[in-house]
Amino acid sequence: MSFQIKRIYEAPEQSDGTRVLVDRVWPRGMSKEDARLDDWVKDITPSTELRKWFQHDPDKFKEFSKRYKLELTSKVATEAIRQLRNQASKQTVTLLYAAKDETYNHAHVLLEVLERPPS
C-alpha cells in the first residue's frame, strides 16, 4: 500500500497518483479545475462537532486523534477505508487536506489508520 499526504494548495504532481480530498468542506480559494481531484471522500473526515471542538489547537491534538480514530470505526468510514486501501494496492493515493498546520491535522491521523494492517 502506498499513501501520502499533501496540502491541496501544493501543485499536483504525476507522483500523486490518485488524488483524494479528505476534508469535509471545500478548500477556500481552490477551484475544482486547480484541485485536479480523482475523488472527495467525506465519509472519513472528522465530524463537524469534532472539527469545531479541535479548532486546530495543538494542545488538543492527542485527544482529537483519539476521538477521530473512534469516528473512523463507523460502518461507513470502515468501508471508505477499505476502498482506499484497495486503491492504494494498485497505485499511490495522495490524501489532500487544506489545514494550514501541516503537523497537527486530521490527515496525519487518517494516514496512520490507513497504514495500519486491517483487522
PDB file of N, CA and C in Angstrom:
ATOM      1  N   MET A   1       0.849  -1.189   0.000  1.00  0.00           N
ATOM      2  CA  MET A   1       0.000   0.000   0.000  1.00  0.00           C
ATOM      3  C   MET A   1       0.884   1.238   0.000  1.00  0.00           C
ATOM      4  N   SER A   2       0.441   2.219  -0.724  1.00  0.00           N
ATOM      5  CA  SER A   2       1.211   3.450  -0.799  1.00  0.00           C
ATOM      6  C   SER A   2       0.287   4.656  -0.647  1.00  0.00           C
ATOM      7  N   PHE A   3       0.430   5.315   0.504  1.00  0.00           N
ATOM      8  CA  PHE A   3      -0.318   6.538   0.778  1.00  0.00           C
ATOM      9  C   PHE A   3       0.669   7.661   1.037  1.00  0.00           C
ATOM     10  N   GLN A   4       0.244   8.867   0.735  1.00  0.00           N
ATOM     11  CA  GLN A   4       0.985  10.055   1.145  1.00  0.00           C
ATOM     12  C   GLN A   4      -0.027  11.159   1.416  1.00  0.00           C
ATOM     13  N   ILE A   5       0.402  12.175   2.153  1.00  0.00           N
ATOM     14  CA  ILE A   5      -0.479  13.316   2.417  1.00  0.00           C
ATOM     15  C   ILE A   5       0.176  14.577   1.871  1.00  0.00           C
ATOM     16  N   LYS A   6      -0.706  15.530   1.539  1.00  0.00           N
ATOM     17  CA  LYS A   6      -0.233  16.747   0.892  1.00  0.00           C
ATOM     18  C   LYS A   6      -1.293  17.829   1.052  1.00  0.00           C
ATOM     19  N   ARG A   7      -0.837  19.076   1.217  1.00  0.00           N
ATOM     20  CA  ARG A   7      -1.796  20.186   1.220  1.00  0.00           C
ATOM     21  C   ARG A   7      -2.352  20.345  -0.189  1.00  0.00           C
ATOM     22  N   ILE A   8      -3.631  20.582  -0.277  1.00  0.00           N
ATOM     23  CA  ILE A   8      -4.270  20.706  -1.590  1.00  0.00           C
ATOM     24  C   ILE A   8      -3.757  21.925  -2.352  1.00  0.00           C
ATOM     25  N   TYR A   9      -3.180  22.887  -1.639  1.00  0.00           N
ATOM     26  CA  TYR A   9      -2.678  24.097  -2.281  1.00  0.00           C
ATOM     27  C   TYR A   9      -1.311  23.886  -2.945  1.00  0.00           C
ATOM     28  N   GLU A  10      -0.692  22.723  -2.714  1.00  0.00           N
ATOM     29  CA  GLU A  10       0.560  22.394  -3.399  1.00  0.00           C
ATOM     30  C   GLU A  10       0.219  21.938  -4.820  1.00  0.00           C
ATOM     31  N   ALA A  11       1.116  22.209  -5.733  1.00  0.00           N
ATOM     32  CA  ALA A  11       0.879  21.855  -7.139  1.00  0.00           C
ATOM     33  C   ALA A  11       0.743  20.342  -7.312  1.00  0.00           C
ATOM     34  N   PRO A  12      -0.238  19.917  -8.110  1.00  0.00           N
ATOM     35  CA  PRO A  12      -0.363  18.486  -8.415  1.00  0.00           C
ATOM     36  C   PRO A  12       0.887  17.984  -9.137  1.00  0.00           C
ATOM     37  N   GLU A  13       1.237  16.730  -8.852  1.00  0.00           N
ATOM     38  CA  GLU A  13       2.393  16.109  -9.491  1.00  0.00           C
ATOM     39  C   GLU A  13       1.999  14.734 -10.003  1.00  0.00           C
ATOM     40  N   GLN A  14       2.708  14.263 -10.990  1.00  0.00           N
ATOM     41  CA  GLN A  14       2.461  12.932 -11.546  1.00  0.00           C
ATOM     42  C   GLN A  14       2.552  11.870 -10.453  1.00  0.00           C
ATOM     43  N   SER A  15       3.501  12.057  -9.522  1.00  0.00           N
ATOM     44  CA  SER A  15       3.728  11.075  -8.455  1.00  0.00           C
ATOM     45  C   SER A  15       2.597  11.019  -7.433  1.00  0.00           C
ATOM     46  N   ASP A  16       1.631  11.946  -7.518  1.00  0.00           N
ATOM     47  CA  ASP A  16       0.489  11.933  -6.591  1.00  0.00           C
ATOM     48  C   ASP A  16      -0.389  10.703  -6.796  1.00  0.00           C
ATOM     49  N   GLY A  17      -0.383  10.147  -7.976  1.00  0.00           N
ATOM     50  CA  GLY A  17      -1.270   9.019  -8.250  1.00  0.00           C
ATOM     51  C   GLY A  17      -2.719   9.472  -8.164  1.00  0.00           C
ATOM     52  N   THR A  18      -3.523   8.750  -7.393  1.00  0.00           N
ATOM     53  CA  THR A  18      -4.928   9.105  -7.190  1.00  0.00           C
ATOM     54  C   THR A  18      -5.008  10.199  -6.133  1.00  0.00           C
ATOM     55  N   ARG A  19      -5.612  11.327  -6.490  1.00  0.00           N
ATOM     56  CA  ARG A  19      -5.712  12.476  -5.575  1.00  0.00           C
ATOM     57  C   ARG A  19      -7.097  12.487  -4.929  1.00  0.00           C
ATOM     58  N   VAL A  20      -7.111  12.395  -3.581  1.00  0.00           N
ATOM     59  CA  VAL A  20      -8.360  12.275  -2.833  1.00  0.00           C
ATOM     60  C   VAL A  20      -8.438  13.378  -1.781  1.00  0.00           C
ATOM     61  N   LEU A  21      -9.464  14.209  -1.876  1.00  0.00           N
ATOM     62  CA  LEU A  21      -9.698  15.230  -0.859  1.00  0.00           C
ATOM     63  C   LEU A  21     -10.314  14.566   0.363  1.00  0.00           C
ATOM     64  N   VAL A  22      -9.725  14.822   1.538  1.00  0.00           N
ATOM     65  CA  VAL A  22     -10.226  14.214   2.772  1.00  0.00           C
ATOM     66  C   VAL A  22     -10.664  15.290   3.770  1.00  0.00           C
ATOM     67  N   ASP A  23     -11.206  16.387   3.266  1.00  0.00           N
ATOM     68  CA  ASP A  23     -11.799  17.451   4.082  1.00  0.00           C
ATOM     69  C   ASP A  23     -13.307  17.429   3.898  1.00  0.00           C
ATOM     70  N   ARG A  24     -14.013  17.810   4.947  1.00  0.00           N
ATOM     71  CA  ARG A  24     -15.476  17.827   4.894  1.00  0.00           C
ATOM     72  C   ARG A  24     -15.996  18.989   4.052  1.00  0.00           C
ATOM     73  N   VAL A  25     -15.281  20.114   4.088  1.00  0.00           N
ATOM     74  CA  VAL A  25     -15.710  21.299   3.329  1.00  0.00           C
ATOM     75  C   VAL A  25     -14.689  21.593   2.231  1.00  0.00           C
ATOM     76  N   TRP A  26     -15.172  22.210   1.157  1.00  0.00           N
ATOM     77  CA  TRP A  26     -14.301  22.516   0.026  1.00  0.00           C
ATOM     78  C   TRP A  26     -13.270  23.570   0.450  1.00  0.00           C
ATOM     79  N   PRO A  27     -12.009  23.409   0.051  1.00  0.00           N
ATOM     80  CA  PRO A  27     -10.949  24.354   0.427  1.00  0.00           C
ATOM     81  C   PRO A  27     -11.172  25.744  -0.161  1.00  0.00           C
ATOM     82  N   ARG A  28     -10.977  26.760   0.667  1.00  0.00           N
ATOM     83  CA  ARG A  28     -11.152  28.146   0.235  1.00  0.00           C
ATOM     84  C   ARG A  28     -10.201  28.504  -0.894  1.00  0.00           C
ATOM     85  N   GLY A  29     -10.750  29.189  -1.871  1.00  0.00           N
ATOM     86  CA  GLY A  29      -9.935  29.707  -2.951  1.00  0.00           C
ATOM     87  C   GLY A  29      -9.441  28.675  -3.950  1.00  0.00           C
ATOM     88  N   MET A  30      -9.887  27.447  -3.824  1.00  0.00           N
ATOM     89  CA  MET A  30      -9.420  26.370  -4.707  1.00  0.00           C
ATOM     90  C   MET A  30     -10.526  26.031  -5.701  1.00  0.00           C
ATOM     91  N   SER A  31     -10.222  26.154  -6.973  1.00  0.00           N
ATOM     92  CA  SER A  31     -11.208  25.761  -7.983  1.00  0.00           C
ATOM     93  C   SER A  31     -11.134  24.253  -8.186  1.00  0.00           C
ATOM     94  N   LYS A  32     -12.213  23.687  -8.662  1.00  0.00           N
ATOM     95  CA  LYS A  32     -12.219  22.245  -8.937  1.00  0.00           C
ATOM     96  C   LYS A  32     -11.194  21.896 -10.012  1.00  0.00           C
ATOM     97  N   GLU A  33     -11.017  22.792 -10.947  1.00  0.00           N
ATOM     98  CA  GLU A  33     -10.035  22.559 -12.011  1.00  0.00           C
ATOM     99  C   GLU A  33      -8.615  22.517 -11.442  1.00  0.00           C
ATOM    100  N   ASP A  34      -8.288  23.470 -10.568  1.00  0.00           N
ATOM    101  CA  ASP A  34      -6.944  23.517  -9.977  1.00  0.00           C
ATOM    102  C   ASP A  34      -6.692  22.351  -9.026  1.00  0.00           C
ATOM    103  N   ALA A  35      -7.734  21.867  -8.373  1.00  0.00           N
ATOM    104  CA  ALA A  35      -7.579  20.774  -7.406  1.00  0.00           C
ATOM    105  C   ALA A  35      -7.190  19.466  -8.086  1.00  0.00           C
ATOM    106  N   ARG A  36      -7.679  19.278  -9.296  1.00  0.00           N
ATOM    107  CA  ARG A  36      -7.412  18.044 -10.055  1.00  0.00           C
ATOM    108  C   ARG A  36      -7.629  16.796  -9.195  1.00  0.00           C
ATOM    109  N   LEU A  37      -8.828  16.703  -8.648  1.00  0.00           N
ATOM    110  CA  LEU A  37      -9.191  15.579  -7.781  1.00  0.00           C
ATOM    111  C   LEU A  37      -9.658  14.376  -8.574  1.00  0.00           C
ATOM    112  N   ASP A  38      -9.400  13.216  -7.998  1.00  0.00           N
ATOM    113  CA  ASP A  38      -9.984  11.982  -8.507  1.00  0.00           C
ATOM    114  C   ASP A  38     -11.183  11.583  -7.665  1.00  0.00           C
ATOM    115  N   ASP A  39     -11.196  12.043  -6.401  1.00  0.00           N
ATOM    116  CA  ASP A  39     -12.296  11.683  -5.501  1.00  0.00           C
ATOM    117  C   ASP A  39     -12.323  12.656  -4.329  1.00  0.00           C
ATOM    118  N   TRP A  40     -13.489  12.745  -3.705  1.00  0.00           N
ATOM    119  CA  TRP A  40     -13.674  13.540  -2.488  1.00  0.00           C
ATOM    120  C   TRP A  40     -14.425  12.631  -1.530  1.00  0.00           C
ATOM    121  N   VAL A  41     -13.743  12.150  -0.499  1.00  0.00           N
ATOM    122  CA  VAL A  41     -14.318  11.157   0.407  1.00  0.00           C
ATOM    123  C   VAL A  41     -14.656  11.818   1.745  1.00  0.00           C
ATOM    124  N   LYS A  42     -15.904  12.254   1.876  1.00  0.00           N
ATOM    125  CA  LYS A  42     -16.344  12.929   3.098  1.00  0.00           C
ATOM    126  C   LYS A  42     -16.622  11.948   4.232  1.00  0.00           C
ATOM    127  N   ASP A  43     -16.810  10.665   3.887  1.00  0.00           N
ATOM    128  CA  ASP A  43     -17.160   9.664   4.901  1.00  0.00           C
ATOM    129  C   ASP A  43     -16.038   9.379   5.886  1.00  0.00           C
ATOM    130  N   ILE A  44     -14.829   9.837   5.603  1.00  0.00           N
ATOM    131  CA  ILE A  44     -13.712   9.587   6.513  1.00  0.00           C
ATOM    132  C   ILE A  44     -13.152  10.885   7.091  1.00  0.00           C
ATOM    133  N   THR A  45     -13.932  11.943   7.018  1.00  0.00           N
ATOM    134  CA  THR A  45     -13.490  13.216   7.580  1.00  0.00           C
ATOM    135  C   THR A  45     -14.012  13.356   9.004  1.00  0.00           C
ATOM    136  N   PRO A  46     -13.329  14.151   9.830  1.00  0.00           N
ATOM    137  CA  PRO A  46     -13.834  14.366  11.188  1.00  0.00           C
ATOM    138  C   PRO A  46     -15.219  15.017  11.150  1.00  0.00           C
ATOM    139  N   SER A  47     -16.039  14.655  12.102  1.00  0.00           N
ATOM    140  CA  SER A  47     -17.380  15.238  12.189  1.00  0.00           C
ATOM    141  C   SER A  47     -17.283  16.743  12.403  1.00  0.00           C
ATOM    142  N   THR A  48     -18.342  17.443  12.059  1.00  0.00           N
ATOM    143  CA  THR A  48     -18.391  18.888  12.268  1.00  0.00           C
ATOM    144  C   THR A  48     -18.175  19.217  13.735  1.00  0.00           C
ATOM    145  N   GLU A  49     -18.801  18.452  14.619  1.00  0.00           N
ATOM    146  CA  GLU A  49     -18.664  18.691  16.057  1.00  0.00           C
ATOM    147  C   GLU A  49     -17.208  18.552  16.493  1.00  0.00           C
ATOM    148  N   LEU A  50     -16.542  17.514  16.009  1.00  0.00           N
ATOM    149  CA  LEU A  50     -15.146  17.289  16.387  1.00  0.00           C
ATOM    150  C   LEU A  50     -14.244  18.387  15.820  1.00  0.00           C
ATOM    151  N   ARG A  51     -14.484  18.782  14.597  1.00  0.00           N
ATOM    152  CA  ARG A  51     -13.688  19.862  13.995  1.00  0.00           C
ATOM    153  C   ARG A  51     -13.839  21.158  14.778  1.00  0.00           C
ATOM    154  N   LYS A  52     -15.079  21.475  15.151  1.00  0.00           N
ATOM    155  CA  LYS A  52     -15.324  22.712  15.902  1.00  0.00           C
ATOM    156  C   LYS A  52     -14.668  22.659  17.277  1.00  0.00           C
ATOM    157  N   TRP A  53     -14.697  21.498  17.906  1.00  0.00           N
ATOM    158  CA  TRP A  53     -14.062  21.348  19.217  1.00  0.00           C
ATOM    159  C   TRP A  53     -12.539  21.506  19.100  1.00  0.00           C
ATOM    160  N   PHE A  54     -11.943  20.885  18.099  1.00  0.00           N
ATOM    161  CA  PHE A  54     -10.486  20.874  17.930  1.00  0.00           C
ATOM    162  C   PHE A  54      -9.929  22.249  17.566  1.00  0.00           C
ATOM    163  N   GLN A  55     -10.498  22.903  16.597  1.00  0.00           N
ATOM    164  CA  GLN A  55     -10.071  24.224  16.112  1.00  0.00           C
ATOM    165  C   GLN A  55      -8.566  24.294  15.850  1.00  0.00           C
ATOM    166  N   HIS A  56      -7.976  23.194  15.421  1.00  0.00           N
ATOM    167  CA  HIS A  56      -6.544  23.117  15.091  1.00  0.00           C
ATOM    168  C   HIS A  56      -5.646  23.579  16.236  1.00  0.00           C
ATOM    169  N   ASP A  57      -6.072  23.290  17.466  1.00  0.00           N
ATOM    170  CA  ASP A  57      -5.290  23.615  18.660  1.00  0.00           C
ATOM    171  C   ASP A  57      -4.327  22.457  18.935  1.00  0.00           C
ATOM    172  N   PRO A  58      -3.007  22.672  18.789  1.00  0.00           N
ATOM    173  CA  PRO A  58      -2.041  21.588  19.009  1.00  0.00           C
ATOM    174  C   PRO A  58      -2.160  20.936  20.392  1.00  0.00           C
ATOM    175  N   ASP A  59      -2.589  21.701  21.389  1.00  0.00           N
ATOM    176  CA  ASP A  59      -2.746  21.147  22.739  1.00  0.00           C
ATOM    177  C   ASP A  59      -3.869  20.117  22.810  1.00  0.00           C
ATOM    178  N   LYS A  60      -4.799  20.173  21.869  1.00  0.00           N
ATOM    179  CA  LYS A  60      -5.924  19.232  21.846  1.00  0.00           C
ATOM    180  C   LYS A  60      -5.686  18.062  20.885  1.00  0.00           C
ATOM    181  N   PHE A  61      -4.540  18.045  20.203  1.00  0.00           N
ATOM    182  CA  PHE A  61      -4.338  17.071  19.133  1.00  0.00           C
ATOM    183  C   PHE A  61      -4.383  15.626  19.614  1.00  0.00           C
ATOM    184  N   LYS A  62      -3.811  15.344  20.755  1.00  0.00           N
ATOM    185  CA  LYS A  62      -3.809  13.963  21.257  1.00  0.00           C
ATOM    186  C   LYS A  62      -5.239  13.465  21.474  1.00  0.00           C
ATOM    187  N   GLU A  63      -6.060  14.280  22.120  1.00  0.00           N
ATOM    188  CA  GLU A  63      -7.461  13.900  22.357  1.00  0.00           C
ATOM    189  C   GLU A  63      -8.244  13.879  21.044  1.00  0.00           C
ATOM    190  N   PHE A  64      -7.970  14.845  20.176  1.00  0.00           N
ATOM    191  CA  PHE A  64      -8.603  14.871  18.858  1.00  0.00           C
ATOM    192  C   PHE A  64      -8.329  13.563  18.116  1.00  0.00           C
ATOM    193  N   SER A  65      -7.077  13.133  18.113  1.00  0.00           N
ATOM    194  CA  SER A  65      -6.689  11.893  17.423  1.00  0.00           C
ATOM    195  C   SER A  65      -7.471  10.705  17.953  1.00  0.00           C
ATOM    196  N   LYS A  66      -7.584  10.638  19.250  1.00  0.00           N
ATOM    197  CA  LYS A  66      -8.324   9.541  19.895  1.00  0.00           C
ATOM    198  C   LYS A  66      -9.787   9.544  19.455  1.00  0.00           C
ATOM    199  N   ARG A  67     -10.413  10.716  19.499  1.00  0.00           N
ATOM    200  CA  ARG A  67     -11.832  10.826  19.119  1.00  0.00           C
ATOM    201  C   ARG A  67     -12.039  10.551  17.628  1.00  0.00           C
ATOM    202  N   TYR A  68     -11.125  11.054  16.809  1.00  0.00           N
ATOM    203  CA  TYR A  68     -11.240  10.859  15.361  1.00  0.00           C
ATOM    204  C   TYR A  68     -11.089   9.384  15.005  1.00  0.00           C
ATOM    205  N   LYS A  69     -10.137   8.710  15.631  1.00  0.00           N
ATOM    206  CA  LYS A  69      -9.967   7.271  15.374  1.00  0.00           C
ATOM    207  C   LYS A  69     -11.234   6.505  15.740  1.00  0.00           C
ATOM    208  N   LEU A  70     -11.910   6.932  16.783  1.00  0.00           N
ATOM    209  CA  LEU A  70     -13.178   6.304  17.167  1.00  0.00           C
ATOM    210  C   LEU A  70     -14.224   6.533  16.071  1.00  0.00           C
ATOM    211  N   GLU A  71     -14.293   7.752  15.538  1.00  0.00           N
ATOM    212  CA  GLU A  71     -15.230   8.030  14.440  1.00  0.00           C
ATOM    213  C   GLU A  71     -14.930   7.161  13.216  1.00  0.00           C
ATOM    214  N   LEU A  72     -13.676   6.859  13.004  1.00  0.00           N
ATOM    215  CA  LEU A  72     -13.279   6.063  11.838  1.00  0.00           C
ATOM    216  C   LEU A  72     -13.643   4.588  11.962  1.00  0.00           C
ATOM    217  N   THR A  73     -14.231   4.200  13.093  1.00  0.00           N
ATOM    218  CA  THR A  73     -14.674   2.811  13.252  1.00  0.00           C
ATOM    219  C   THR A  73     -16.125   2.618  12.820  1.00  0.00           C
ATOM    220  N   SER A  74     -16.791   3.694  12.406  1.00  0.00           N
ATOM    221  CA  SER A  74     -18.179   3.560  11.949  1.00  0.00           C
ATOM    222  C   SER A  74     -18.221   2.695  10.694  1.00  0.00           C
ATOM    223  N   LYS A  75     -19.373   2.132  10.432  1.00  0.00           N
ATOM    224  CA  LYS A  75     -19.532   1.236   9.276  1.00  0.00           C
ATOM    225  C   LYS A  75     -19.200   1.947   7.960  1.00  0.00           C
ATOM    226  N   VAL A  76     -19.704   3.149   7.795  1.00  0.00           N
ATOM    227  CA  VAL A  76     -19.491   3.880   6.541  1.00  0.00           C
ATOM    228  C   VAL A  76     -18.011   4.268   6.389  1.00  0.00           C
ATOM    229  N   ALA A  77     -17.359   4.642   7.491  1.00  0.00           N
ATOM    230  CA  ALA A  77     -15.938   5.004   7.430  1.00  0.00           C
ATOM    231  C   ALA A  77     -15.072   3.784   7.140  1.00  0.00           C
ATOM    232  N   THR A  78     -15.384   2.656   7.766  1.00  0.00           N
ATOM    233  CA  THR A  78     -14.566   1.459   7.525  1.00  0.00           C
ATOM    234  C   THR A  78     -14.687   0.990   6.074  1.00  0.00           C
ATOM    235  N   GLU A  79     -15.835   1.174   5.469  1.00  0.00           N
ATOM    236  CA  GLU A  79     -15.991   0.820   4.050  1.00  0.00           C
ATOM    237  C   GLU A  79     -15.155   1.760   3.176  1.00  0.00           C
ATOM    238  N   ALA A  80     -15.168   3.048   3.494  1.00  0.00           N
ATOM    239  CA  ALA A  80     -14.360   4.010   2.735  1.00  0.00           C
ATOM    240  C   ALA A  80     -12.870   3.703   2.902  1.00  0.00           C
ATOM    241  N   ILE A  81     -12.469   3.318   4.100  1.00  0.00           N
ATOM    242  CA  ILE A  81     -11.075   2.945   4.362  1.00  0.00           C
ATOM    243  C   ILE A  81     -10.701   1.713   3.545  1.00  0.00           C
ATOM    244  N   ARG A  82     -11.587   0.743   3.505  1.00  0.00           N
ATOM    245  CA  ARG A  82     -11.336  -0.471   2.723  1.00  0.00           C
ATOM    246  C   ARG A  82     -11.125  -0.119   1.248  1.00  0.00           C
ATOM    247  N   GLN A  83     -11.971   0.762   0.731  1.00  0.00           N
ATOM    248  CA  GLN A  83     -11.861   1.154  -0.676  1.00  0.00           C
ATOM    249  C   GLN A  83     -10.557   1.902  -0.959  1.00  0.00           C
ATOM    250  N   LEU A  84     -10.153   2.774  -0.035  1.00  0.00           N
ATOM    251  CA  LEU A  84      -8.894   3.497  -0.227  1.00  0.00           C
ATOM    252  C   LEU A  84      -7.700   2.548  -0.177  1.00  0.00           C
ATOM    253  N   ARG A  85      -7.740   1.592   0.738  1.00  0.00           N
ATOM    254  CA  ARG A  85      -6.650   0.603   0.808  1.00  0.00           C
ATOM    255  C   ARG A  85      -6.576  -0.208  -0.480  1.00  0.00           C
ATOM    256  N   ASN A  86      -7.730  -0.561  -1.001  1.00  0.00           N
ATOM    257  CA  ASN A  86      -7.771  -1.296  -2.266  1.00  0.00           C
ATOM    258  C   ASN A  86      -7.143  -0.468  -3.389  1.00  0.00           C
ATOM    259  N   GLN A  87      -7.509   0.798  -3.448  1.00  0.00           N
ATOM    260  CA  GLN A  87      -6.940   1.692  -4.469  1.00  0.00           C
ATOM    261  C   GLN A  87      -5.425   1.813  -4.289  1.00  0.00           C
ATOM    262  N   ALA A  88      -4.971   1.932  -3.035  1.00  0.00           N
ATOM    263  CA  ALA A  88      -3.540   2.102  -2.749  1.00  0.00           C
ATOM    264  C   ALA A  88      -2.735   0.845  -3.039  1.00  0.00           C
ATOM    265  N   SER A  89      -3.414  -0.288  -3.152  1.00  0.00           N
ATOM    266  CA  SER A  89      -2.697  -1.515  -3.514  1.00  0.00           C
ATOM    267  C   SER A  89      -2.339  -1.518  -5.002  1.00  0.00           C
ATOM    268  N   LYS A  90      -2.973  -0.623  -5.756  1.00  0.00           N
ATOM    269  CA  LYS A  90      -2.740  -0.543  -7.202  1.00  0.00           C
ATOM    270  C   LYS A  90      -1.812   0.612  -7.581  1.00  0.00           C
ATOM    271  N   GLN A  91      -1.947   1.729  -6.850  1.00  0.00           N
ATOM    272  CA  GLN A  91      -1.114   2.899  -7.129  1.00  0.00           C
ATOM    273  C   GLN A  91      -1.121   3.820  -5.917  1.00  0.00           C
ATOM    274  N   THR A  92      -0.237   4.791  -5.929  1.00  0.00           N
ATOM    275  CA  THR A  92      -0.160   5.761  -4.836  1.00  0.00           C
ATOM    276  C   THR A  92      -1.483   6.508  -4.701  1.00  0.00           C
ATOM    277  N   VAL A  93      -1.907   6.705  -3.456  1.00  0.00           N
ATOM    278  CA  VAL A  93      -3.078   7.527  -3.154  1.00  0.00           C
ATOM    279  C   VAL A  93      -2.584   8.704  -2.318  1.00  0.00           C
ATOM    280  N   THR A  94      -2.843   9.906  -2.800  1.00  0.00           N
ATOM    281  CA  THR A  94      -2.464  11.113  -2.079  1.00  0.00           C
ATOM    282  C   THR A  94      -3.695  11.687  -1.404  1.00  0.00           C
ATOM    283  N   LEU A  95      -3.624  11.776  -0.075  1.00  0.00           N
ATOM    284  CA  LEU A  95      -4.704  12.337   0.733  1.00  0.00           C
ATOM    285  C   LEU A  95      -4.477  13.841   0.818  1.00  0.00           C
ATOM    286  N   LEU A  96      -5.434  14.607   0.343  1.00  0.00           N
ATOM    287  CA  LEU A  96      -5.305  16.059   0.274  1.00  0.00           C
ATOM    288  C   LEU A  96      -6.118  16.729   1.370  1.00  0.00           C
ATOM    289  N   TYR A  97      -5.497  17.711   2.022  1.00  0.00           N
ATOM    290  CA  TYR A  97      -6.162  18.451   3.097  1.00  0.00           C
ATOM    291  C   TYR A  97      -5.858  19.935   2.927  1.00  0.00           C
ATOM    292  N   ALA A  98      -6.647  20.795   3.562  1.00  0.00           N
ATOM    293  CA  ALA A  98      -6.467  22.235   3.414  1.00  0.00           C
ATOM    294  C   ALA A  98      -5.871  22.908   4.646  1.00  0.00           C
ATOM    295  N   ALA A  99      -5.799  22.228   5.757  1.00  0.00           N
ATOM    296  CA  ALA A  99      -5.333  22.840   7.009  1.00  0.00           C
ATOM    297  C   ALA A  99      -3.980  23.521   6.831  1.00  0.00           C
ATOM    298  N   LYS A 100      -3.820  24.673   7.478  1.00  0.00           N
ATOM    299  CA  LYS A 100      -2.546  25.395   7.412  1.00  0.00           C
ATOM    300  C   LYS A 100      -1.467  24.672   8.208  1.00  0.00           C
ATOM    301  N   ASP A 101      -1.861  24.079   9.327  1.00  0.00           N
ATOM    302  CA  ASP A 101      -0.906  23.359  10.171  1.00  0.00           C
ATOM    303  C   ASP A 101      -0.604  22.008   9.529  1.00  0.00           C
ATOM    304  N   GLU A 102       0.630  21.840   9.097  1.00  0.00           N
ATOM    305  CA  GLU A 102       1.000  20.621   8.383  1.00  0.00           C
ATOM    306  C   GLU A 102       1.341  19.467   9.316  1.00  0.00           C
ATOM    307  N   THR A 103       1.352  19.720  10.620  1.00  0.00           N
ATOM    308  CA  THR A 103       1.679  18.672  11.590  1.00  0.00           C
ATOM    309  C   THR A 103       0.458  18.196  12.356  1.00  0.00           C
ATOM    310  N   TYR A 104      -0.296  19.145  12.897  1.00  0.00           N
ATOM    311  CA  TYR A 104      -1.435  18.804  13.750  1.00  0.00           C
ATOM    312  C   TYR A 104      -2.737  18.908  12.971  1.00  0.00           C
ATOM    313  N   ASN A 105      -2.983  17.916  12.124  1.00  0.00           N
ATOM    314  CA  ASN A 105      -4.227  17.897  11.364  1.00  0.00           C
ATOM    315  C   ASN A 105      -4.699  16.463  11.180  1.00  0.00           C
ATOM    316  N   HIS A 106      -5.943  16.332  10.787  1.00  0.00           N
ATOM    317  CA  HIS A 106      -6.575  15.013  10.707  1.00  0.00           C
ATOM    318  C   HIS A 106      -5.965  14.094   9.652  1.00  0.00           C
ATOM    319  N   ALA A 107      -5.333  14.651   8.632  1.00  0.00           N
ATOM    320  CA  ALA A 107      -4.755  13.807   7.580  1.00  0.00           C
ATOM    321  C   ALA A 107      -3.668  12.891   8.135  1.00  0.00           C
ATOM    322  N   HIS A 108      -2.916  13.360   9.116  1.00  0.00           N
ATOM    323  CA  HIS A 108      -1.888  12.516   9.742  1.00  0.00           C
ATOM    324  C   HIS A 108      -2.519  11.347  10.489  1.00  0.00           C
ATOM    325  N   VAL A 109      -3.613  11.617  11.164  1.00  0.00           N
ATOM    326  CA  VAL A 109      -4.318  10.557  11.901  1.00  0.00           C
ATOM    327  C   VAL A 109      -4.893   9.552  10.910  1.00  0.00           C
ATOM    328  N   LEU A 110      -5.512  10.043   9.867  1.00  0.00           N
ATOM    329  CA  LEU A 110      -6.087   9.170   8.845  1.00  0.00           C
ATOM    330  C   LEU A 110      -5.003   8.317   8.189  1.00  0.00           C
ATOM    331  N   LEU A 111      -3.870   8.920   7.884  1.00  0.00           N
ATOM    332  CA  LEU A 111      -2.759   8.170   7.288  1.00  0.00           C
ATOM    333  C   LEU A 111      -2.316   7.034   8.211  1.00  0.00           C
ATOM    334  N   GLU A 112      -2.219   7.328   9.496  1.00  0.00           N
ATOM    335  CA  GLU A 112      -1.841   6.301  10.476  1.00  0.00           C
ATOM    336  C   GLU A 112      -2.830   5.134  10.453  1.00  0.00           C
ATOM    337  N   VAL A 113      -4.112   5.440  10.412  1.00  0.00           N
ATOM    338  CA  VAL A 113      -5.154   4.402  10.384  1.00  0.00           C
ATOM    339  C   VAL A 113      -5.073   3.603   9.084  1.00  0.00           C
ATOM    340  N   LEU A 114      -4.912   4.286   7.972  1.00  0.00           N
ATOM    341  CA  LEU A 114      -4.859   3.608   6.674  1.00  0.00           C
ATOM    342  C   LEU A 114      -3.651   2.685   6.545  1.00  0.00           C
ATOM    343  N   GLU A 115      -2.540   3.069   7.141  1.00  0.00           N
ATOM    344  CA  GLU A 115      -1.323   2.266   7.021  1.00  0.00           C
ATOM    345  C   GLU A 115      -1.258   1.113   8.015  1.00  0.00           C
ATOM    346  N   ARG A 116      -2.161   1.122   8.975  1.00  0.00           N
ATOM    347  CA  ARG A 116      -2.231   0.022   9.942  1.00  0.00           C
ATOM    348  C   ARG A 116      -2.825  -1.198   9.245  1.00  0.00           C
ATOM    349  N   PRO A 117      -2.289  -2.390   9.528  1.00  0.00           N
ATOM    350  CA  PRO A 117      -2.876  -3.586   8.900  1.00  0.00           C
ATOM    351  C   PRO A 117      -4.358  -3.732   9.261  1.00  0.00           C
ATOM    352  N   PRO A 118      -5.204  -4.091   8.294  1.00  0.00           N
ATOM    353  CA  PRO A 118      -6.637  -4.266   8.573  1.00  0.00           C
ATOM    354  C   PRO A 118      -6.852  -5.383   9.592  1.00  0.00           C
ATOM    355  N   SER A 119      -7.852  -5.190  10.433  1.00  0.00           N
ATOM    356  CA  SER A 119      -8.142  -6.223  11.449  1.00  0.00           C
ATOM    357  C   SER A 119      -9.236  -7.156  10.992  1.00  0.00           C
TER     358      SER A 119
END
